[in-house]
Amino acid sequence: NFAGLTNIELCEGNEKLSYQSNYILPIKLAILCREIGIDYVFISTDNFRFNFKKLSESQTSKPVNNYGIHKRKSENAILKIYPKSLIIRTNFYCIGSKKRKSFSDTIIKMLKSNNEIGLFKDVYYTPIYGKYLLKYMFDLIKKKKFGIFNICSNEKITKFTFGQKICKIFNLNKNFLKNTYLKKSKNLVRRPYNMSLNNYKIRKILNIKIPSINYQLRMMKKDLELQKKRTI
């Protein structure tokens, strides 16, 4: 279940819509999966505040906005309704669709168009390419695992550093990349400064080494090139 309302500002401005999208829908799907006896995978979030360098699955964290509150409520309710559900905490980038561009799509498009884009230099996270997210998720399903799992990269980086990596891998002009600061953005809905997840649990259970973000971005670049060839 990747469905959900991820626009933080909209979730805060329309609590009912966030509640319906990020809580009611996931709960109904959990009930349905329990009734017909199929695996349920719920994509949660990393949008929590905590007092650790990286958040592990067992550590205490606190939502700071409607989006985080409703995702957390869903996690708890789903595991009560259908304990054998798989809850994935993550923050992923991918090749988006024409209707919905991903975070990385937006960065690439802006820089290719020679338009400036501001990225937070004081917000940390552990992003992962969607292809690896899916691979590890299905590996967990094959192993009949359930409960909460963090699927993320090893590296804790800022949103601005992520943009710099994209510039380097995709040979884009880094001069259009501007650093901004969440602490100076007074009009934005409250967000955590650190959303970094600890991936020790999944590395141990799947016995894997997760590729670096640079390597993942190179894979995404290859996938984009292949996609373009197929459409020609």
Protein backbone atom coordinates (compact mmCIF):
# COMPACT_ATOMS: atom_id res chain seq x y z
CA ASN A 1 0.00 0.00 0.00
CA PHE A 2 1.91 3.01 -1.33
CA ALA A 3 -1.27 5.12 -1.41
CA GLY A 4 -1.31 8.16 0.83
CA LEU A 5 -1.31 11.92 1.05
CA THR A 6 2.34 12.98 1.43
CA ASN A 7 1.97 16.75 1.01
CA ILE A 8 2.81 17.95 4.54
CA GLU A 9 1.20 21.37 4.07
CA LEU A 10 -2.03 19.88 2.69
CA CYS A 11 -2.18 17.30 5.49
CA GLU A 12 -1.90 20.09 8.05
CA GLY A 13 -4.39 22.34 6.28
CA ASN A 14 -6.93 19.56 5.73
CA GLU A 15 -6.73 17.19 8.70
CA LYS A 16 -9.80 15.24 7.59
CA LEU A 17 -8.29 14.48 4.18
CA SER A 18 -5.03 13.37 5.80
CA TYR A 19 -6.96 11.19 8.26
CA GLN A 20 -8.94 9.53 5.47
CA SER A 21 -5.88 8.96 3.24
CA ASN A 22 -3.22 8.10 5.79
CA TYR A 23 -5.29 6.30 8.43
CA ILE A 24 -8.75 5.15 7.32
CA LEU A 25 -7.69 3.71 3.96
CA PRO A 26 -4.70 1.75 5.38
CA ILE A 27 -6.92 0.33 8.15
CA LYS A 28 -9.60 -0.82 5.70
CA LEU A 29 -6.93 -2.54 3.58
CA ALA A 30 -5.53 -4.29 6.65
CA ILE A 31 -8.99 -5.61 7.53
CA LEU A 32 -9.53 -6.77 3.94
CA CYS A 33 -6.15 -8.54 3.79
CA ARG A 34 -6.87 -10.28 7.10
CA GLU A 35 -10.28 -11.45 5.87
CA ILE A 36 -8.98 -12.95 2.62
CA GLY A 37 -5.67 -14.09 4.09
CA ILE A 38 -3.12 -12.28 1.92
CA ASP A 39 0.09 -10.41 2.79
CA TYR A 40 -0.29 -6.74 3.64
CA VAL A 41 2.56 -4.27 3.24
CA PHE A 42 2.04 -0.72 4.47
CA ILE A 43 4.47 2.01 3.44
CA SER A 44 4.87 4.29 6.45
CA THR A 45 7.23 7.24 6.85
CA ASP A 46 10.40 8.58 8.48
CA ASN A 47 8.63 11.81 9.47
CA PHE A 48 9.18 11.46 13.23
CA ARG A 49 11.22 13.31 15.86
CA PHE A 50 13.62 11.33 18.04
CA ASN A 51 16.71 11.69 20.23
CA PHE A 52 19.08 9.38 18.36
CA LYS A 53 21.52 9.74 15.45
CA LYS A 54 19.36 7.26 13.53
CA LEU A 55 16.01 5.78 14.49
CA SER A 56 15.80 2.00 14.87
CA GLU A 57 12.51 0.11 14.73
CA SER A 58 12.35 -0.36 18.51
CA GLN A 59 13.24 3.17 19.61
CA THR A 60 10.77 5.81 20.76
CA SER A 61 9.84 8.61 18.39
CA LYS A 62 7.17 11.30 18.20
CA PRO A 63 5.14 12.65 15.24
CA VAL A 64 5.24 16.45 14.90
CA ASN A 65 2.52 17.05 12.28
CA ASN A 66 -0.75 15.53 11.03
CA TYR A 67 1.02 13.45 8.40
CA GLY A 68 3.27 11.81 10.99
CA ILE A 69 0.44 11.44 13.51
CA HIS A 70 -1.81 9.60 11.06
CA LYS A 71 1.01 7.37 9.77
CA ARG A 72 1.91 6.42 13.35
CA LYS A 73 -1.73 5.69 14.20
CA SER A 74 -1.90 3.47 11.12
CA GLU A 75 1.22 1.54 12.15
CA ASN A 76 -0.20 0.79 15.59
CA ALA A 77 -3.71 -0.06 14.38
CA ILE A 78 -2.55 -2.27 11.50
CA LEU A 79 -0.38 -4.42 13.76
CA LYS A 80 -3.33 -4.88 16.14
CA ILE A 81 -5.79 -5.70 13.36
CA TYR A 82 -3.44 -7.94 11.37
CA PRO A 83 -0.23 -8.69 13.33
CA LYS A 84 1.40 -10.41 10.35
CA SER A 85 1.44 -7.17 8.36
CA LEU A 86 4.71 -5.69 7.14
CA ILE A 87 5.26 -2.02 8.03
CA ILE A 88 7.97 -0.27 6.01
CA ARG A 89 9.47 2.99 7.23
CA THR A 90 11.37 4.65 4.44
CA ASN A 91 12.08 7.77 2.39
CA PHE A 92 12.56 6.89 -1.26
CA TYR A 93 13.25 8.59 -4.57
CA CYS A 94 12.42 7.12 -7.95
CA ILE A 95 11.55 7.71 -11.58
CA GLY A 96 8.11 9.20 -11.22
CA SER A 97 5.17 9.31 -13.61
CA LYS A 98 4.06 12.16 -15.86
CA LYS A 99 1.24 12.93 -13.46
CA ARG A 100 3.36 12.80 -10.31
CA LYS A 101 7.03 13.71 -10.29
CA SER A 102 9.27 12.38 -7.52
CA PHE A 103 11.59 14.50 -5.37
CA SER A 104 14.60 13.52 -7.50
CA ASP A 105 12.61 14.16 -10.72
CA THR A 106 11.90 17.69 -9.57
CA ILE A 107 15.54 18.39 -8.76
CA ILE A 108 16.73 17.06 -12.13
CA LYS A 109 14.03 18.93 -14.08
CA MET A 110 14.75 22.25 -12.36
CA LEU A 111 18.50 22.00 -12.85
CA LYS A 112 18.20 20.90 -16.48
CA SER A 113 15.99 23.94 -17.10
CA ASN A 114 18.59 26.21 -15.46
CA ASN A 115 16.14 27.10 -12.71
CA GLU A 116 17.23 27.55 -9.12
CA ILE A 117 16.02 25.07 -6.52
CA GLY A 118 16.45 25.42 -2.77
CA LEU A 119 17.14 22.36 -0.61
CA PHE A 120 17.41 22.18 3.17
CA LYS A 121 20.93 22.11 4.54
CA ASP A 122 19.71 21.39 8.08
CA VAL A 123 17.37 18.42 7.42
CA TYR A 124 18.96 14.96 7.53
CA TYR A 125 17.60 11.70 6.14
CA THR A 126 18.62 8.32 4.67
CA PRO A 127 17.06 8.15 1.19
CA ILE A 128 16.93 4.99 -0.92
CA TYR A 129 16.26 4.41 -4.62
CA GLY A 130 12.81 2.90 -5.18
CA LYS A 131 14.22 -0.11 -7.05
CA TYR A 132 16.14 -1.21 -3.94
CA LEU A 133 13.18 -0.46 -1.69
CA LEU A 134 11.05 -2.87 -3.75
CA LYS A 135 13.76 -5.52 -3.89
CA TYR A 136 14.29 -5.59 -0.12
CA MET A 137 10.56 -5.38 0.54
CA PHE A 138 9.84 -8.48 -1.56
CA ASP A 139 12.80 -10.27 0.02
CA LEU A 140 11.15 -9.71 3.41
CA ILE A 141 7.85 -11.03 2.06
CA LYS A 142 9.56 -14.19 0.75
CA LYS A 143 11.05 -14.74 4.20
CA LYS A 144 7.59 -14.35 5.78
CA LYS A 145 8.70 -11.41 7.92
CA PHE A 146 6.27 -9.03 9.57
CA GLY A 147 6.33 -6.04 11.90
CA ILE A 148 8.21 -2.76 11.42
CA PHE A 149 11.29 -2.56 9.19
CA ASN A 150 13.39 0.42 8.14
CA ILE A 151 14.42 0.24 4.47
CA CYS A 152 16.92 2.99 3.78
CA SER A 153 20.48 3.83 2.82
CA ASN A 154 23.44 3.62 5.16
CA GLU A 155 24.33 7.29 4.72
CA LYS A 156 22.80 10.10 6.75
CA ILE A 157 22.81 13.17 4.49
CA THR A 158 21.05 16.52 4.13
CA LYS A 159 18.56 17.28 1.37
CA PHE A 160 21.13 19.74 0.00
CA THR A 161 23.85 17.07 -0.09
CA PHE A 162 21.44 14.80 -1.95
CA GLY A 163 21.03 17.54 -4.54
CA GLN A 164 24.80 17.87 -4.84
CA LYS A 165 25.09 14.13 -5.48
CA ILE A 166 22.47 14.37 -8.24
CA CYS A 167 24.41 17.24 -9.83
CA LYS A 168 27.58 15.16 -9.88
CA ILE A 169 26.03 11.92 -11.17
CA PHE A 170 23.83 13.59 -13.80
CA ASN A 171 26.39 16.24 -14.80
CA LEU A 172 24.11 19.15 -13.93
CA ASN A 173 25.05 22.72 -13.07
CA LYS A 174 25.39 22.89 -9.29
CA ASN A 175 25.27 26.71 -9.37
CA PHE A 176 21.47 26.51 -9.62
CA LEU A 177 21.37 24.47 -6.41
CA LYS A 178 20.74 26.76 -3.43
CA ASN A 179 20.95 25.89 0.24
CA THR A 180 18.01 26.81 2.44
CA TYR A 181 17.30 26.20 6.12
CA LEU A 182 14.22 24.74 7.75
CA LYS A 183 14.89 26.77 10.89
CA LYS A 184 14.54 29.96 8.82
CA SER A 185 11.39 28.81 7.01
CA LYS A 186 8.78 30.28 9.34
CA ASN A 187 5.77 29.67 7.09
CA LEU A 188 6.22 25.90 6.73
CA VAL A 189 4.43 23.26 8.77
CA ARG A 190 6.57 21.83 11.56
CA ARG A 191 8.96 19.08 10.41
CA PRO A 192 11.73 17.01 12.04
CA TYR A 193 15.31 18.16 11.45
CA ASN A 194 16.53 14.58 11.54
CA MET A 195 14.61 11.74 9.87
CA SER A 196 17.55 9.33 9.53
CA LEU A 197 16.68 5.65 9.91
CA ASN A 198 18.86 2.80 11.15
CA ASN A 199 18.92 -0.13 8.69
CA TYR A 200 20.83 -2.65 10.85
CA LYS A 201 17.78 -4.91 11.30
CA ILE A 202 17.14 -5.44 7.58
CA ARG A 203 20.85 -5.80 6.76
CA LYS A 204 21.13 -8.53 9.38
CA ILE A 205 17.95 -10.42 8.46
CA LEU A 206 18.54 -10.31 4.69
CA ASN A 207 22.32 -10.60 5.03
CA ILE A 208 22.89 -7.76 2.57
CA LYS A 209 25.15 -4.81 1.93
CA ILE A 210 23.14 -1.80 0.84
CA PRO A 211 24.82 0.16 -2.01
CA SER A 212 25.97 3.73 -1.48
CA ILE A 213 23.69 6.59 -2.51
CA ASN A 214 26.12 7.46 -5.31
CA TYR A 215 25.83 3.92 -6.68
CA GLN A 216 22.03 4.01 -6.39
CA LEU A 217 21.90 7.30 -8.29
CA ARG A 218 24.08 5.84 -11.04
CA MET A 219 21.60 2.95 -11.29
CA MET A 220 18.73 5.43 -11.54
CA LYS A 221 20.57 7.29 -14.29
CA LYS A 222 20.96 4.03 -16.25
CA ASP A 223 17.29 3.23 -15.73
CA LEU A 224 16.31 6.68 -17.04
CA GLU A 225 18.50 6.20 -20.11
CA LEU A 226 16.90 2.79 -20.78
CA GLN A 227 13.45 4.29 -20.34
CA LYS A 228 14.21 6.97 -22.93
CA LYS A 229 15.46 4.38 -25.42
CA ARG A 230 12.25 2.38 -25.06
CA THR A 231 10.10 5.43 -25.84
CA ILE A 232 12.05 6.39 -28.97
